Protein backbone atom coordinates (compact mmCIF):
# COMPACT_ATOMS: atom_id res chain seq x y z
CA ILE A 1 -0.17 -0.06 -0.22
CA ILE A 2 2.92 2.26 1.17
CA LEU A 3 4.62 1.55 -2.19
CA SER A 4 1.18 2.32 -4.54
CA VAL A 5 0.72 5.18 -2.73
CA PHE A 6 4.04 6.62 -3.50
CA LEU A 7 4.20 5.42 -7.33
CA ALA A 8 0.52 7.27 -7.23
CA ILE A 9 1.88 10.32 -6.24
CA THR A 10 5.03 10.44 -8.45
CA GLY A 11 2.39 9.84 -11.48
CA LEU A 12 -0.11 12.76 -10.01
CA ILE A 13 3.50 14.95 -10.78
CA VAL A 14 5.05 13.54 -13.64
CA ALA A 15 2.26 12.45 -15.87
CA GLY A 16 1.79 16.11 -17.64
CA PHE A 17 5.40 15.78 -18.30
CA LEU A 18 5.61 12.55 -20.19
CA PHE A 19 2.57 12.95 -22.06
CA ASP A 20 4.42 16.41 -23.15
CA MET A 21 7.03 13.96 -23.97
CA MET A 22 4.97 12.09 -26.38
CA GLY A 23 3.96 15.53 -28.22
CA VAL A 24 0.44 15.05 -27.97
CA THR A 25 -2.40 17.42 -28.86
CA ASP A 26 -3.77 19.81 -25.76
CA LEU A 27 -7.29 17.92 -26.11
CA VAL A 28 -5.66 14.67 -26.20
CA ARG A 29 -3.37 15.79 -23.05
CA LYS A 30 -6.05 17.27 -21.02
CA LEU A 31 -8.31 14.30 -21.77
CA SER A 32 -5.25 11.85 -20.74
CA LEU A 33 -4.40 13.55 -17.55
CA ASP A 34 -8.07 13.67 -16.83
CA TYR A 35 -8.41 9.99 -17.22
CA ILE A 36 -4.56 8.95 -15.60
CA HIS A 37 -5.31 11.02 -12.54
CA ILE A 38 -8.16 9.23 -11.90
CA ILE A 39 -6.38 5.70 -12.31
CA LEU A 40 -3.37 6.69 -10.31
CA VAL A 41 -5.36 7.55 -7.52
CA GLY A 42 -7.17 4.55 -7.23
CA SER A 43 -3.88 2.44 -8.25
CA PRO A 44 -3.46 0.96 -4.23
CA PHE A 45 -6.80 -1.12 -4.63
CA MET A 46 -5.07 -2.19 -8.30
CA PHE A 47 -2.14 -2.84 -6.26
CA ILE A 48 -4.10 -4.60 -3.44
CA ALA A 49 -6.09 -6.67 -6.30
CA MET A 50 -2.66 -8.10 -7.65
CA VAL A 51 -0.81 -8.68 -3.97
CA ALA A 52 -4.62 -10.75 -3.11
CA ASN A 53 -4.59 -12.19 -6.42
CA SER A 54 -1.03 -13.33 -6.15
CA ILE A 55 -1.35 -14.84 -2.60
CA ILE A 56 -4.29 -16.84 -3.63
CA ARG A 57 -2.22 -18.08 -6.94
CA GLY A 58 0.43 -19.48 -4.53
CA GLU A 59 -2.05 -21.08 -2.21
CA GLY A 60 -1.91 -23.23 -6.04
CA GLU A 61 -5.71 -21.48 -6.37
CA MET A 62 -6.02 -20.76 -10.56
CA LYS A 63 -9.67 -20.58 -10.98
CA VAL A 64 -10.17 -18.17 -7.87
CA PRO A 65 -8.14 -15.57 -9.20
CA MET A 66 -9.21 -16.14 -12.66
CA TYR A 67 -12.58 -15.62 -11.78
CA ILE A 68 -12.21 -12.53 -9.52
CA MET A 69 -10.47 -10.53 -12.47
CA GLY A 70 -12.95 -11.67 -15.02
CA GLY A 71 -15.41 -10.32 -12.89
CA ALA A 72 -13.80 -7.00 -13.07
CA ALA A 73 -13.52 -6.80 -16.50
CA VAL A 74 -17.06 -7.23 -17.33
CA LEU A 75 -18.32 -5.09 -13.98
CA ASN A 76 -15.86 -2.63 -16.39
CA ILE A 77 -17.76 -3.31 -19.13
CA ILE A 78 -21.02 -2.96 -17.82
CA LEU A 79 -20.13 0.34 -16.08
CA ASP A 80 -17.97 2.17 -18.61
CA PRO A 81 -21.28 2.98 -20.79
CA ILE A 82 -23.01 4.02 -17.88
CA PHE A 83 -20.09 6.71 -16.50
CA ILE A 84 -19.26 7.67 -19.94
CA PHE A 85 -22.61 8.04 -21.89
CA THR A 86 -25.25 7.56 -18.88
CA LEU A 87 -23.97 10.06 -16.53
CA GLY A 88 -22.43 12.15 -19.27
CA PHE A 89 -18.41 12.10 -17.71
CA GLY A 90 -16.86 11.21 -21.04
CA VAL A 91 -13.12 10.20 -20.29
CA LYS A 92 -13.18 10.85 -16.74
CA GLY A 93 -16.26 8.11 -16.61
CA ALA A 94 -14.36 5.31 -18.35
CA ALA A 95 -11.57 6.15 -15.37
CA TYR A 96 -14.08 5.99 -12.85
CA ALA A 97 -15.40 2.69 -14.00
CA THR A 98 -12.31 1.42 -14.04
CA VAL A 99 -11.51 2.30 -10.08
CA LEU A 100 -14.93 0.95 -9.42
CA ALA A 101 -14.60 -2.34 -10.98
CA ARG A 102 -10.91 -2.67 -9.39
CA SER A 103 -12.07 -1.53 -6.16
CA THR A 104 -14.55 -4.59 -6.02
CA VAL A 105 -12.01 -7.25 -6.90
CA SER A 106 -10.13 -5.58 -4.14
CA ILE A 107 -12.65 -5.87 -1.78
CA ILE A 108 -13.14 -9.59 -3.29
CA ALA A 109 -10.22 -10.78 -3.15
CA ILE A 110 -9.57 -9.80 0.42
CA ALA A 111 -12.73 -11.61 1.81
CA TYR A 112 -11.17 -14.93 0.07
CA LEU A 113 -8.85 -14.37 2.02
CA TYR A 114 -10.33 -13.63 5.23
CA SER A 115 -12.62 -16.41 4.35
CA ALA A 116 -12.18 -20.15 4.94
CA ARG A 117 -11.22 -21.59 2.02
CA SER A 118 -7.51 -19.78 2.18
CA TRP A 119 -4.64 -20.72 3.59
CA VAL A 120 -3.18 -17.88 4.49
CA ARG A 121 -4.96 -15.78 7.79
CA LEU A 122 -4.78 -12.38 7.31
CA ASN A 123 -4.67 -11.22 11.08
CA PHE A 124 -3.41 -7.60 11.62
CA ARG A 125 -3.85 -7.84 15.16
CA LYS A 126 -0.73 -9.74 16.00
CA PHE A 127 1.58 -7.81 12.89
CA LYS A 128 4.82 -7.01 13.28
CA TYR A 129 7.01 -5.71 10.69
CA LYS A 130 9.46 -7.58 9.83
CA TRP A 131 12.35 -5.59 7.54
CA GLU A 132 13.83 -9.24 6.40
CA TYR A 133 10.67 -10.12 4.79
CA VAL A 134 10.66 -7.08 2.96
CA LYS A 135 14.15 -7.54 1.50
CA GLY A 136 13.31 -10.80 0.61
CA ILE A 137 10.55 -9.47 -1.43
CA PHE A 138 12.22 -6.88 -2.66
CA HIS A 139 15.00 -8.94 -3.79
CA VAL A 140 12.78 -11.66 -5.62
CA GLY A 141 10.29 -8.92 -7.03
CA ILE A 142 12.94 -6.16 -8.06
CA PRO A 143 14.61 -8.16 -11.31
CA SER A 144 10.61 -8.75 -12.53
CA SER A 145 9.66 -5.57 -11.48
CA LEU A 146 12.98 -4.61 -13.74
CA SER A 147 11.83 -6.80 -16.44
CA ASN A 148 8.67 -4.94 -16.67
CA LEU A 149 9.91 -1.84 -16.44
CA SER A 150 11.88 -2.62 -19.44
CA MET A 151 8.74 -3.43 -21.38
CA SER A 152 7.13 -0.37 -20.30
CA VAL A 153 9.89 2.12 -21.02
CA GLY A 154 9.98 0.56 -24.47
CA MET A 155 6.47 0.54 -25.64
CA PHE A 156 6.64 4.80 -23.74
CA LEU A 157 9.81 5.06 -26.48
CA LEU A 158 7.45 3.86 -29.14
CA THR A 159 4.79 5.36 -28.20
CA ILE A 160 7.10 8.46 -28.54
CA ILE A 161 7.53 7.72 -32.06
CA VAL A 162 4.13 6.91 -33.49
CA ALA A 163 2.53 9.83 -31.61
CA GLY A 164 4.82 12.09 -33.93
CA PHE A 165 2.67 10.91 -36.88
CA GLY A 166 -0.34 12.24 -34.93
CA THR A 167 -3.00 11.78 -33.41
CA GLU A 168 -5.05 9.16 -35.50
CA ALA A 169 -1.71 7.14 -35.71
CA LEU A 170 -1.68 7.20 -32.05
CA ALA A 171 -5.08 5.84 -31.24
CA ALA A 172 -4.17 3.12 -34.44
CA TRP A 173 -1.67 1.71 -32.76
CA GLY A 174 -3.00 1.45 -29.03
CA ILE A 175 -5.89 -0.16 -30.87
CA GLY A 176 -3.57 -2.88 -32.53
CA PHE A 177 -1.57 -2.99 -29.49
CA ARG A 178 -4.42 -4.30 -27.81
CA LEU A 179 -5.60 -6.34 -30.16
CA ASP A 180 -1.72 -7.66 -30.56
CA SER A 181 -1.87 -8.48 -26.51
CA MET A 182 -5.74 -10.59 -26.63
CA ALA A 183 -4.20 -12.59 -28.91
CA ILE A 184 -0.94 -13.47 -27.34
CA MET A 185 -2.98 -13.84 -23.87
CA PRO A 186 -3.99 -17.19 -24.59
CA ALA A 187 -0.84 -18.59 -25.59
């Protein structure tokens, strides 16, 4: 939670600069900032859901996290048109729908961890902070994070290149990338 808050604050500070680096138009920059600011404020819920789902997977239970994340996607699909069109929030509505779906997933995943079905028992009454555990987690997690970060930096640089061809090219590339990701996911 502490790391997610730190990253959210950092993101809120640098988001405008990053969009400027991409060379997007003023309208796209404004809409992007509207969206990303809401997403960043809600990002602690995303982190909680990721950690809880990883704990559940670590127990050997693969279906529950799949159902939880699938449910979040369906909820997001249902909420998007409501927030975007019915309530008239536009791009901000898409962000609100995503944050609400992620918050719901976090609550469901945490509830699972508190249920009798989970092997891991969360008990904060006896919580003691143990730095050696944190060091161990970082020792395992940093290389994986750096791998993902390098991919993200590569995508960011590619986005800057594509943005040089205009907003339409950037939108088309974004759609194509998502379709490509969907094609690769089953493998």
